[in-house]
Every structure is written in C-alpha cells, then in structure tokens.
C-alpha cells in the first residue's frame, strides 16, 4: 500500500470510526440548520472546518505549535456546545450568519486539528513526504466527512418527509440532542 493510500485511508477511518464521536457530533451540529438542497453551503461549511483542521494539524505535526492535550480535549466538545447554542438561537441563518458559521467552522476546525496531532505526529515517518501524507490524510478526512454529511442529510430527509416531522422541530431536536451530549462530554473533560 502506498503512503498516499495509507494516509488517505487513515484520514477516512479517523472520521468514520466510533472513536470520532466528537467529529461526528460536530458535523451533526453544523448541519442541524441545513437541508439537502443547500448542498453547496454545506460543502463550504464542511470544507471550512477541514481547512482549519488541516492547518493546525500541519502546524502541530511540524511542532510549531503545541497545546496541552487536556485543554484541547476540553475545547473540542465545548466548540460543539457553542455551535449548538448558536443553532438554538437562530433556525434559518441569513447571509451574514452563514459567513459567521463558515468562520466559526474554520476556527473550531483549528481546535479539532490539535486533538489528533499527537497521534499523527508519531505515525509520520521522518523520511516520508510530510506534505503529501498530510494532503492524503486531509483528503481522506474530507471524503469521510462528506459520507457522514450524506448520511445525516438522508436521515433528516427521511424523518421530515417520510415521518412528517416539522423541519424546524427536527433542527431543534438535533441541536438540543447534540448540545446535551457535547455538554456531558465537556463536563467530563474539564482540565
């Protein structure tokens, strides 16, 4: 298996695995206000998160920044709590709110990227191409996120259309449920 394939798969598994509840919960919170026909906005939102994640992952792997992992593990679920609170405050974001969401997704991606940096730092071999391997990892991560997004959108579509649940009620439920789980995780991780 080539290095590129290995790191792509590693990025994919990082987001798809059961150990990635924080990533999956963050995506769920991000998507709570969006509907399947807003796929371009969703793609921008998810990519903004990936770019932030990629930046701190690269900076951390290069050892240019290093933050106590206890604080990072606390800030990750806290970013989900804050996203959910923003969702509960507004159900149909206007253009300026969407831009704010894109910026926050990128900023929260910075935090989430630090969470996995220690694991990746140990896996990357010194003689391998760091840039290529990080690119492969992040492409795998983005592909996994898109798969989760499609699953979440399909679930939302099914609940709203087939079970005839009001879309606003579904958004409220998803945001509140994500908030509850993220708050519980945050309280467990207070440094």
N, C-alpha and C. Protein backbone atom coordinates (compact mmCIF):
# COMPACT_ATOMS: atom_id res chain seq x y z
N UNK A 1 0.85 -1.17 0.00
CA UNK A 1 0.00 0.00 0.00
C UNK A 1 0.90 1.24 0.00
N UNK A 2 0.60 2.15 -0.90
CA UNK A 2 1.41 3.37 -0.99
C UNK A 2 1.16 4.27 0.22
N UNK A 3 2.11 5.19 0.47
CA UNK A 3 1.95 6.13 1.57
C UNK A 3 0.71 6.97 1.41
N UNK A 4 0.42 7.41 0.17
CA UNK A 4 -0.75 8.25 -0.07
C UNK A 4 -2.03 7.48 0.29
N UNK A 5 -2.12 6.24 -0.18
CA UNK A 5 -3.30 5.42 0.10
C UNK A 5 -3.44 5.16 1.59
N UNK A 6 -2.32 4.88 2.25
CA UNK A 6 -2.35 4.62 3.69
C UNK A 6 -2.90 5.83 4.44
N UNK A 7 -2.38 7.03 4.13
CA UNK A 7 -2.80 8.22 4.86
C UNK A 7 -4.21 8.66 4.48
N UNK A 8 -4.61 8.43 3.22
CA UNK A 8 -6.00 8.71 2.84
C UNK A 8 -6.94 7.84 3.66
N UNK A 9 -6.63 6.55 3.71
CA UNK A 9 -7.46 5.62 4.49
C UNK A 9 -7.44 5.97 5.97
N UNK A 10 -6.29 6.39 6.46
CA UNK A 10 -6.15 6.78 7.86
C UNK A 10 -7.05 7.99 8.17
N UNK A 11 -7.08 8.97 7.27
CA UNK A 11 -7.96 10.13 7.42
C UNK A 11 -9.43 9.73 7.37
N UNK A 12 -9.76 8.84 6.45
CA UNK A 12 -11.14 8.34 6.31
C UNK A 12 -11.56 7.64 7.60
N UNK A 13 -10.72 6.75 8.09
CA UNK A 13 -11.05 5.99 9.30
C UNK A 13 -11.10 6.89 10.54
N UNK A 14 -10.30 7.95 10.53
CA UNK A 14 -10.31 8.89 11.65
C UNK A 14 -11.69 9.51 11.85
N UNK A 15 -12.38 9.81 10.78
CA UNK A 15 -13.69 10.47 10.88
C UNK A 15 -14.83 9.45 10.96
N UNK A 16 -14.65 8.29 10.38
CA UNK A 16 -15.72 7.29 10.33
C UNK A 16 -15.76 6.41 11.58
N UNK A 17 -14.65 6.28 12.27
CA UNK A 17 -14.57 5.33 13.39
C UNK A 17 -15.47 5.73 14.56
N UNK A 18 -15.74 4.76 15.40
CA UNK A 18 -16.55 5.04 16.59
C UNK A 18 -15.80 5.91 17.59
N UNK A 19 -14.48 6.02 17.44
CA UNK A 19 -13.70 6.90 18.31
C UNK A 19 -13.83 8.37 17.91
N UNK A 20 -14.48 8.64 16.79
CA UNK A 20 -14.58 10.01 16.26
C UNK A 20 -15.92 10.66 16.60
N UNK A 21 -16.49 10.29 17.75
CA UNK A 21 -17.79 10.85 18.13
C UNK A 21 -17.76 12.37 18.13
N UNK A 22 -16.66 12.97 18.58
CA UNK A 22 -16.61 14.43 18.62
C UNK A 22 -16.71 15.04 17.22
N UNK A 23 -16.03 14.45 16.24
CA UNK A 23 -16.12 14.94 14.86
C UNK A 23 -17.54 14.75 14.32
N UNK A 24 -18.09 13.58 14.54
CA UNK A 24 -19.42 13.27 14.03
C UNK A 24 -20.48 14.16 14.68
N UNK A 25 -20.32 14.40 15.96
CA UNK A 25 -21.24 15.27 16.69
C UNK A 25 -21.12 16.71 16.20
N UNK A 26 -19.89 17.14 15.91
CA UNK A 26 -19.70 18.49 15.40
C UNK A 26 -20.36 18.64 14.03
N UNK A 27 -20.20 17.65 13.17
CA UNK A 27 -20.86 17.69 11.86
C UNK A 27 -22.38 17.70 12.01
N UNK A 28 -22.88 16.93 12.93
CA UNK A 28 -24.32 16.90 13.19
C UNK A 28 -24.81 18.28 13.62
N UNK A 29 -24.07 18.91 14.53
CA UNK A 29 -24.45 20.26 14.99
C UNK A 29 -24.36 21.27 13.86
N UNK A 30 -23.30 21.18 13.05
CA UNK A 30 -23.15 22.11 11.92
C UNK A 30 -24.30 22.00 10.94
N UNK A 31 -24.76 20.77 10.70
CA UNK A 31 -25.78 20.54 9.68
C UNK A 31 -27.21 20.70 10.17
N UNK A 32 -27.40 20.90 11.44
CA UNK A 32 -28.75 20.91 12.01
C UNK A 32 -29.67 21.92 11.33
N UNK A 33 -29.14 23.04 10.87
CA UNK A 33 -29.97 24.09 10.27
C UNK A 33 -30.08 23.98 8.75
N UNK A 34 -29.42 23.03 8.16
CA UNK A 34 -29.37 22.95 6.70
C UNK A 34 -30.22 21.80 6.17
N UNK A 35 -30.63 21.94 4.95
CA UNK A 35 -31.45 20.96 4.28
C UNK A 35 -30.70 20.44 3.07
N UNK A 36 -31.09 19.30 2.55
CA UNK A 36 -30.37 18.62 1.48
C UNK A 36 -30.17 19.48 0.24
N UNK A 37 -31.09 20.41 -0.06
CA UNK A 37 -30.95 21.24 -1.26
C UNK A 37 -29.96 22.40 -1.07
N UNK A 38 -29.38 22.51 0.11
CA UNK A 38 -28.38 23.54 0.39
C UNK A 38 -26.97 22.93 0.38
N UNK A 39 -26.76 21.95 -0.50
CA UNK A 39 -25.52 21.19 -0.52
C UNK A 39 -24.29 22.05 -0.76
N UNK A 40 -24.41 23.13 -1.55
CA UNK A 40 -23.23 23.98 -1.78
C UNK A 40 -22.81 24.68 -0.49
N UNK A 41 -23.77 25.18 0.25
CA UNK A 41 -23.47 25.84 1.53
C UNK A 41 -22.88 24.85 2.52
N UNK A 42 -23.42 23.64 2.51
CA UNK A 42 -22.93 22.59 3.40
C UNK A 42 -21.48 22.23 3.05
N UNK A 43 -21.21 22.09 1.76
CA UNK A 43 -19.86 21.75 1.32
C UNK A 43 -18.86 22.83 1.74
N UNK A 44 -19.25 24.10 1.61
CA UNK A 44 -18.38 25.20 2.04
C UNK A 44 -18.14 25.11 3.54
N UNK A 45 -19.20 24.86 4.29
CA UNK A 45 -19.11 24.77 5.75
C UNK A 45 -18.18 23.64 6.18
N UNK A 46 -18.36 22.48 5.61
CA UNK A 46 -17.54 21.32 5.97
C UNK A 46 -16.09 21.53 5.53
N UNK A 47 -15.90 22.12 4.36
CA UNK A 47 -14.55 22.38 3.87
C UNK A 47 -13.86 23.43 4.73
N UNK A 48 -14.59 24.44 5.20
CA UNK A 48 -14.00 25.44 6.11
C UNK A 48 -13.48 24.76 7.36
N UNK A 49 -14.27 23.81 7.89
CA UNK A 49 -13.83 23.05 9.05
C UNK A 49 -12.56 22.26 8.72
N UNK A 50 -12.55 21.59 7.57
CA UNK A 50 -11.39 20.78 7.17
C UNK A 50 -10.15 21.64 7.01
N UNK A 51 -10.30 22.83 6.43
CA UNK A 51 -9.15 23.73 6.25
C UNK A 51 -8.56 24.14 7.60
N UNK A 52 -9.42 24.50 8.54
CA UNK A 52 -8.95 24.84 9.88
C UNK A 52 -8.27 23.64 10.53
N UNK A 53 -8.89 22.49 10.42
CA UNK A 53 -8.36 21.24 10.96
C UNK A 53 -7.00 20.94 10.36
N UNK A 54 -6.90 21.10 9.04
CA UNK A 54 -5.66 20.80 8.32
C UNK A 54 -4.53 21.73 8.74
N UNK A 55 -4.86 23.00 8.92
CA UNK A 55 -3.84 23.98 9.27
C UNK A 55 -3.20 23.66 10.62
N UNK A 56 -4.02 23.46 11.65
CA UNK A 56 -3.43 23.17 12.96
C UNK A 56 -2.81 21.79 13.01
N UNK A 57 -3.37 20.87 12.25
CA UNK A 57 -2.76 19.54 12.19
C UNK A 57 -1.34 19.66 11.63
N UNK A 58 -1.18 20.41 10.55
CA UNK A 58 0.14 20.60 9.95
C UNK A 58 1.08 21.33 10.91
N UNK A 59 0.60 22.42 11.51
CA UNK A 59 1.44 23.19 12.43
C UNK A 59 1.84 22.37 13.66
N UNK A 60 0.92 21.53 14.12
CA UNK A 60 1.22 20.69 15.28
C UNK A 60 2.20 19.58 14.93
N UNK A 61 1.99 18.95 13.77
CA UNK A 61 2.89 17.87 13.35
C UNK A 61 4.29 18.42 13.12
N UNK A 62 4.38 19.63 12.59
CA UNK A 62 5.68 20.28 12.40
C UNK A 62 6.28 20.77 13.71
N UNK A 63 5.49 20.66 14.78
CA UNK A 63 5.89 21.08 16.12
C UNK A 63 6.08 22.60 16.23
N UNK A 64 5.32 23.35 15.43
CA UNK A 64 5.35 24.81 15.50
C UNK A 64 4.41 25.32 16.58
N UNK A 65 3.39 24.54 16.87
CA UNK A 65 2.51 24.87 18.00
C UNK A 65 2.28 23.59 18.79
N UNK A 66 2.11 23.78 20.06
CA UNK A 66 1.82 22.64 20.93
C UNK A 66 1.00 23.16 22.09
N UNK A 67 -0.16 22.57 22.29
CA UNK A 67 -1.06 22.98 23.37
C UNK A 67 -1.34 21.74 24.22
N UNK A 68 -1.42 21.95 25.49
CA UNK A 68 -1.70 20.86 26.43
C UNK A 68 -2.94 20.09 25.95
N UNK A 69 -2.79 18.79 25.78
CA UNK A 69 -3.87 17.96 25.24
C UNK A 69 -5.12 17.98 26.13
N UNK A 70 -4.96 18.18 27.41
CA UNK A 70 -6.14 18.26 28.29
C UNK A 70 -7.03 19.44 27.90
N UNK A 71 -6.40 20.56 27.56
CA UNK A 71 -7.17 21.73 27.14
C UNK A 71 -7.81 21.51 25.77
N UNK A 72 -7.08 20.88 24.88
CA UNK A 72 -7.63 20.60 23.55
C UNK A 72 -8.83 19.67 23.67
N UNK A 73 -8.69 18.61 24.47
CA UNK A 73 -9.79 17.66 24.65
C UNK A 73 -11.00 18.30 25.32
N UNK A 74 -10.80 19.35 26.09
CA UNK A 74 -11.90 20.11 26.69
C UNK A 74 -12.52 21.06 25.66
N UNK A 75 -11.69 21.71 24.87
CA UNK A 75 -12.18 22.71 23.90
C UNK A 75 -12.95 22.08 22.74
N UNK A 76 -12.64 20.85 22.39
CA UNK A 76 -13.33 20.20 21.28
C UNK A 76 -14.83 20.06 21.56
N UNK A 77 -15.26 19.43 22.65
CA UNK A 77 -16.70 19.36 22.89
C UNK A 77 -17.32 20.73 23.20
N UNK A 78 -16.51 21.62 23.78
CA UNK A 78 -17.01 22.97 24.03
C UNK A 78 -17.35 23.68 22.72
N UNK A 79 -16.57 23.43 21.66
CA UNK A 79 -16.89 24.02 20.35
C UNK A 79 -18.22 23.49 19.82
N UNK A 80 -18.54 22.26 20.14
CA UNK A 80 -19.83 21.67 19.73
C UNK A 80 -20.96 22.31 20.53
N UNK A 81 -20.75 22.50 21.82
CA UNK A 81 -21.74 23.17 22.67
C UNK A 81 -22.05 24.56 22.12
N UNK A 82 -21.00 25.30 21.78
CA UNK A 82 -21.20 26.66 21.25
C UNK A 82 -21.92 26.65 19.91
N UNK A 83 -21.59 25.70 19.05
CA UNK A 83 -22.28 25.57 17.77
C UNK A 83 -23.76 25.30 17.99
N UNK A 84 -24.07 24.41 18.91
CA UNK A 84 -25.48 24.09 19.21
C UNK A 84 -26.21 25.30 19.78
N UNK A 85 -25.56 26.04 20.65
CA UNK A 85 -26.20 27.24 21.21
C UNK A 85 -26.51 28.25 20.11
N UNK A 86 -25.59 28.40 19.17
CA UNK A 86 -25.86 29.29 18.03
C UNK A 86 -27.03 28.77 17.20
N UNK A 87 -27.11 27.46 17.02
CA UNK A 87 -28.23 26.87 16.28
C UNK A 87 -29.56 27.15 16.98
N UNK A 88 -29.58 26.99 18.30
CA UNK A 88 -30.82 27.17 19.05
C UNK A 88 -31.26 28.63 19.05
N UNK A 89 -30.32 29.52 18.82
CA UNK A 89 -30.62 30.95 18.78
C UNK A 89 -31.25 31.36 17.46
N UNK A 90 -30.93 30.67 16.39
CA UNK A 90 -31.47 31.03 15.07
C UNK A 90 -31.70 29.76 14.25
N UNK A 91 -32.85 29.69 13.66
CA UNK A 91 -33.18 28.47 12.91
C UNK A 91 -32.98 28.60 11.41
N UNK A 92 -33.04 29.80 10.88
CA UNK A 92 -32.83 29.99 9.45
C UNK A 92 -31.79 31.08 9.26
N UNK A 93 -30.52 30.69 9.17
CA UNK A 93 -29.46 31.68 9.09
C UNK A 93 -29.53 32.53 7.82
N UNK A 94 -29.32 33.85 7.99
CA UNK A 94 -29.23 34.73 6.83
C UNK A 94 -27.79 34.73 6.34
N UNK A 95 -27.51 35.54 5.32
CA UNK A 95 -26.18 35.53 4.70
C UNK A 95 -25.06 35.87 5.68
N UNK A 96 -25.24 36.91 6.49
CA UNK A 96 -24.17 37.28 7.42
C UNK A 96 -23.98 36.20 8.49
N UNK A 97 -25.07 35.56 8.90
CA UNK A 97 -24.94 34.47 9.88
C UNK A 97 -24.24 33.27 9.27
N UNK A 98 -24.47 33.01 7.99
CA UNK A 98 -23.79 31.90 7.31
C UNK A 98 -22.29 32.16 7.25
N UNK A 99 -21.91 33.40 6.94
CA UNK A 99 -20.49 33.75 6.89
C UNK A 99 -19.88 33.54 8.27
N UNK A 100 -20.61 33.95 9.31
CA UNK A 100 -20.14 33.73 10.68
C UNK A 100 -19.98 32.24 10.94
N UNK A 101 -20.92 31.42 10.46
CA UNK A 101 -20.82 29.97 10.63
C UNK A 101 -19.59 29.41 9.92
N UNK A 102 -19.29 29.91 8.72
CA UNK A 102 -18.12 29.43 7.99
C UNK A 102 -16.85 29.76 8.77
N UNK A 103 -16.78 30.99 9.29
CA UNK A 103 -15.61 31.41 10.05
C UNK A 103 -15.47 30.57 11.33
N UNK A 104 -16.59 30.38 12.03
CA UNK A 104 -16.55 29.57 13.26
C UNK A 104 -16.19 28.12 12.95
N UNK A 105 -16.69 27.59 11.85
CA UNK A 105 -16.34 26.21 11.47
C UNK A 105 -14.84 26.10 11.26
N UNK A 106 -14.24 27.09 10.60
CA UNK A 106 -12.79 27.07 10.40
C UNK A 106 -12.04 27.21 11.72
N UNK A 107 -12.51 28.12 12.59
CA UNK A 107 -11.86 28.30 13.89
C UNK A 107 -11.97 27.05 14.75
N UNK A 108 -13.16 26.46 14.76
CA UNK A 108 -13.33 25.24 15.53
C UNK A 108 -12.55 24.09 14.91
N UNK A 109 -12.36 24.12 13.59
CA UNK A 109 -11.50 23.15 12.93
C UNK A 109 -10.07 23.23 13.43
N UNK A 110 -9.62 24.47 13.73
CA UNK A 110 -8.29 24.65 14.30
C UNK A 110 -8.15 23.87 15.60
N UNK A 111 -9.17 23.95 16.44
CA UNK A 111 -9.15 23.26 17.73
C UNK A 111 -9.17 21.74 17.52
N UNK A 112 -10.07 21.28 16.65
CA UNK A 112 -10.19 19.85 16.42
C UNK A 112 -8.91 19.27 15.81
N UNK A 113 -8.22 20.05 14.99
CA UNK A 113 -6.97 19.59 14.38
C UNK A 113 -5.89 19.30 15.40
N UNK A 114 -5.87 20.08 16.47
CA UNK A 114 -4.88 19.85 17.52
C UNK A 114 -5.15 18.55 18.27
N UNK A 115 -6.40 18.13 18.28
CA UNK A 115 -6.76 16.93 19.02
C UNK A 115 -6.15 15.66 18.46
N UNK A 116 -5.90 15.63 17.17
CA UNK A 116 -5.37 14.42 16.55
C UNK A 116 -3.88 14.55 16.22
N UNK A 117 -3.32 15.73 16.41
CA UNK A 117 -1.94 15.99 16.00
C UNK A 117 -0.93 15.06 16.66
N UNK A 118 -1.09 14.79 17.95
CA UNK A 118 -0.13 13.92 18.64
C UNK A 118 -0.11 12.53 18.02
N UNK A 119 -1.29 11.99 17.70
CA UNK A 119 -1.35 10.66 17.09
C UNK A 119 -0.65 10.65 15.74
N UNK A 120 -0.93 11.67 14.93
CA UNK A 120 -0.35 11.71 13.59
C UNK A 120 1.14 12.00 13.64
N UNK A 121 1.57 12.80 14.58
CA UNK A 121 3.00 13.15 14.71
C UNK A 121 3.84 11.88 14.89
N UNK A 122 3.33 10.92 15.66
CA UNK A 122 4.07 9.69 15.91
C UNK A 122 4.02 8.74 14.72
N UNK A 123 2.99 8.83 13.91
CA UNK A 123 2.83 7.91 12.79
C UNK A 123 3.67 8.33 11.58
N UNK A 124 3.78 9.64 11.36
CA UNK A 124 4.54 10.12 10.21
C UNK A 124 6.03 9.79 10.38
N UNK A 125 6.56 9.15 9.41
CA UNK A 125 7.99 8.82 9.44
C UNK A 125 8.79 10.04 8.97
N UNK A 126 9.97 10.20 9.51
CA UNK A 126 10.80 11.37 9.18
C UNK A 126 11.21 11.40 7.71
N UNK A 127 11.38 10.25 7.09
CA UNK A 127 11.88 10.24 5.72
C UNK A 127 10.76 10.29 4.67
N UNK A 128 9.52 10.36 5.09
CA UNK A 128 8.41 10.42 4.14
C UNK A 128 8.05 11.86 3.83
N UNK A 129 7.32 12.04 2.77
CA UNK A 129 6.88 13.38 2.36
C UNK A 129 5.75 13.85 3.27
N UNK A 130 6.07 14.78 4.14
CA UNK A 130 5.09 15.30 5.09
C UNK A 130 3.91 15.95 4.37
N UNK A 131 4.19 16.78 3.38
CA UNK A 131 3.13 17.49 2.67
C UNK A 131 2.18 16.52 1.97
N UNK A 132 2.73 15.53 1.28
CA UNK A 132 1.90 14.56 0.56
C UNK A 132 1.06 13.73 1.54
N UNK A 133 1.68 13.31 2.63
CA UNK A 133 0.96 12.49 3.60
C UNK A 133 -0.14 13.28 4.31
N UNK A 134 0.15 14.54 4.65
CA UNK A 134 -0.88 15.38 5.26
C UNK A 134 -2.03 15.65 4.28
N UNK A 135 -1.68 15.87 3.02
CA UNK A 135 -2.70 16.07 2.00
C UNK A 135 -3.58 14.83 1.89
N UNK A 136 -2.96 13.66 1.82
CA UNK A 136 -3.72 12.41 1.71
C UNK A 136 -4.62 12.21 2.93
N UNK A 137 -4.08 12.47 4.12
CA UNK A 137 -4.86 12.34 5.34
C UNK A 137 -6.08 13.27 5.30
N UNK A 138 -5.85 14.52 4.93
CA UNK A 138 -6.94 15.50 4.92
C UNK A 138 -7.96 15.23 3.82
N UNK A 139 -7.52 14.70 2.69
CA UNK A 139 -8.48 14.30 1.65
C UNK A 139 -9.34 13.13 2.14
N UNK A 140 -8.72 12.20 2.83
CA UNK A 140 -9.49 11.09 3.41
C UNK A 140 -10.47 11.58 4.45
N UNK A 141 -10.02 12.55 5.27
CA UNK A 141 -10.89 13.16 6.27
C UNK A 141 -12.08 13.84 5.60
N UNK A 142 -11.81 14.61 4.55
CA UNK A 142 -12.89 15.32 3.84
C UNK A 142 -13.86 14.33 3.20
N UNK A 143 -13.34 13.26 2.60
CA UNK A 143 -14.20 12.24 2.00
C UNK A 143 -15.08 11.58 3.06
N UNK A 144 -14.51 11.30 4.21
CA UNK A 144 -15.29 10.72 5.31
C UNK A 144 -16.36 11.68 5.81
N UNK A 145 -16.00 12.95 5.91
CA UNK A 145 -16.98 13.95 6.34
C UNK A 145 -18.13 14.05 5.35
N UNK A 146 -17.82 14.01 4.06
CA UNK A 146 -18.87 14.08 3.05
C UNK A 146 -19.78 12.86 3.16
N UNK A 147 -19.21 11.70 3.42
CA UNK A 147 -20.03 10.49 3.61
C UNK A 147 -20.96 10.65 4.81
N UNK A 148 -20.45 11.19 5.91
CA UNK A 148 -21.28 11.41 7.09
C UNK A 148 -22.35 12.45 6.81
N UNK A 149 -21.98 13.51 6.09
CA UNK A 149 -22.94 14.55 5.72
C UNK A 149 -24.08 13.94 4.90
N UNK A 150 -23.74 13.12 3.93
CA UNK A 150 -24.79 12.49 3.11
C UNK A 150 -25.71 11.61 3.96
N UNK A 151 -25.13 10.88 4.89
CA UNK A 151 -25.92 10.05 5.79
C UNK A 151 -26.84 10.90 6.66
N UNK A 152 -26.30 11.99 7.23
CA UNK A 152 -27.11 12.87 8.08
C UNK A 152 -28.22 13.55 7.29
N UNK A 153 -27.91 13.98 6.07
CA UNK A 153 -28.93 14.62 5.23
C UNK A 153 -30.03 13.62 4.85
N UNK A 154 -29.63 12.39 4.55
CA UNK A 154 -30.61 11.35 4.23
C UNK A 154 -31.51 11.06 5.44
N UNK A 155 -30.89 11.00 6.62
CA UNK A 155 -31.66 10.78 7.84
C UNK A 155 -32.65 11.92 8.06
N UNK A 156 -32.18 13.15 7.93
CA UNK A 156 -33.07 14.30 8.10
C UNK A 156 -34.19 14.31 7.09
N UNK A 157 -33.87 14.00 5.84
CA UNK A 157 -34.89 13.94 4.80
C UNK A 157 -35.93 12.88 5.13
N UNK A 158 -35.45 11.72 5.57
CA UNK A 158 -36.37 10.64 5.92
C UNK A 158 -37.29 11.00 7.07
N UNK A 159 -36.74 11.62 8.09
CA UNK A 159 -37.55 11.99 9.26
C UNK A 159 -38.58 13.05 8.89
N UNK A 160 -38.14 14.06 8.14
CA UNK A 160 -39.03 15.18 7.81
C UNK A 160 -40.07 14.77 6.77
N UNK A 161 -39.65 14.12 5.71
CA UNK A 161 -40.58 13.79 4.62
C UNK A 161 -41.40 12.53 4.89
N UNK A 162 -40.76 11.49 5.35
CA UNK A 162 -41.48 10.22 5.50
C UNK A 162 -42.24 10.12 6.81
N UNK A 163 -41.65 10.65 7.87
CA UNK A 163 -42.32 10.61 9.16
C UNK A 163 -43.14 11.87 9.43
N UNK A 164 -43.05 12.81 8.50
CA UNK A 164 -43.83 14.07 8.54
C UNK A 164 -43.55 14.89 9.80
N UNK A 165 -42.29 14.95 10.17
CA UNK A 165 -41.86 15.79 11.29
C UNK A 165 -41.56 17.17 10.73
N UNK A 166 -41.97 18.20 11.43
CA UNK A 166 -41.69 19.56 11.02
C UNK A 166 -40.18 19.78 10.95
N UNK A 167 -39.72 20.40 9.87
CA UNK A 167 -38.27 20.61 9.68
C UNK A 167 -37.67 21.42 10.83
N UNK A 168 -38.37 22.45 11.29
CA UNK A 168 -37.88 23.27 12.39
C UNK A 168 -37.76 22.44 13.67
N UNK A 169 -38.75 21.57 13.91
CA UNK A 169 -38.71 20.70 15.08
C UNK A 169 -37.52 19.73 15.00
N UNK A 170 -37.25 19.22 13.79
CA UNK A 170 -36.12 18.32 13.60
C UNK A 170 -34.81 19.05 13.89
N UNK A 171 -34.67 20.27 13.38
CA UNK A 171 -33.47 21.07 13.63
C UNK A 171 -33.29 21.34 15.12
N UNK A 172 -34.40 21.65 15.78
CA UNK A 172 -34.36 21.90 17.22
C UNK A 172 -33.95 20.64 17.97
N UNK A 173 -34.54 19.51 17.60
CA UNK A 173 -34.21 18.23 18.24
C UNK A 173 -32.74 17.88 18.06
N UNK A 174 -32.24 17.98 16.82
CA UNK A 174 -30.84 17.63 16.52
C UNK A 174 -29.89 18.55 17.30
N UNK A 175 -30.18 19.85 17.30
CA UNK A 175 -29.33 20.81 18.02
C UNK A 175 -29.35 20.55 19.52
N UNK A 176 -30.54 20.31 20.06
CA UNK A 176 -30.66 20.08 21.51
C UNK A 176 -30.00 18.76 21.92
N UNK A 177 -30.20 17.72 21.13
CA UNK A 177 -29.59 16.42 21.44
C UNK A 177 -28.05 16.52 21.35
N UNK A 178 -27.56 17.17 20.31
CA UNK A 178 -26.11 17.36 20.16
C UNK A 178 -25.57 18.19 21.32
N UNK A 179 -26.32 19.21 21.71
CA UNK A 179 -25.92 20.06 22.83
C UNK A 179 -25.79 19.23 24.11
N UNK A 180 -26.78 18.39 24.38
CA UNK A 180 -26.76 17.58 25.60
C UNK A 180 -25.57 16.64 25.65
N UNK A 181 -25.31 15.95 24.55
CA UNK A 181 -24.18 15.02 24.52
C UNK A 181 -22.86 15.78 24.64
N UNK A 182 -22.73 16.88 23.89
CA UNK A 182 -21.48 17.65 23.93
C UNK A 182 -21.25 18.28 25.29
N UNK A 183 -22.31 18.75 25.93
CA UNK A 183 -22.16 19.33 27.27
C UNK A 183 -21.69 18.27 28.25
N UNK A 184 -22.26 17.09 28.17
CA UNK A 184 -21.85 15.99 29.05
C UNK A 184 -20.36 15.68 28.85
N UNK A 185 -19.92 15.60 27.57
CA UNK A 185 -18.50 15.32 27.28
C UNK A 185 -17.63 16.47 27.80
N UNK A 186 -18.08 17.71 27.60
CA UNK A 186 -17.32 18.87 28.07
C UNK A 186 -17.11 18.83 29.56
N UNK A 187 -18.17 18.53 30.28
CA UNK A 187 -18.07 18.47 31.75
C UNK A 187 -17.15 17.34 32.21
N UNK A 188 -17.09 16.26 31.45
CA UNK A 188 -16.20 15.15 31.79
C UNK A 188 -14.73 15.51 31.56
N UNK A 189 -14.49 16.49 30.70
CA UNK A 189 -13.11 16.81 30.29
C UNK A 189 -12.58 18.12 30.87
N UNK A 190 -13.23 18.68 31.85
CA UNK A 190 -12.74 19.93 32.41
C UNK A 190 -11.32 19.70 32.95
N UNK A 191 -10.35 20.52 32.50
CA UNK A 191 -8.96 20.30 32.94
C UNK A 191 -8.77 20.62 34.43
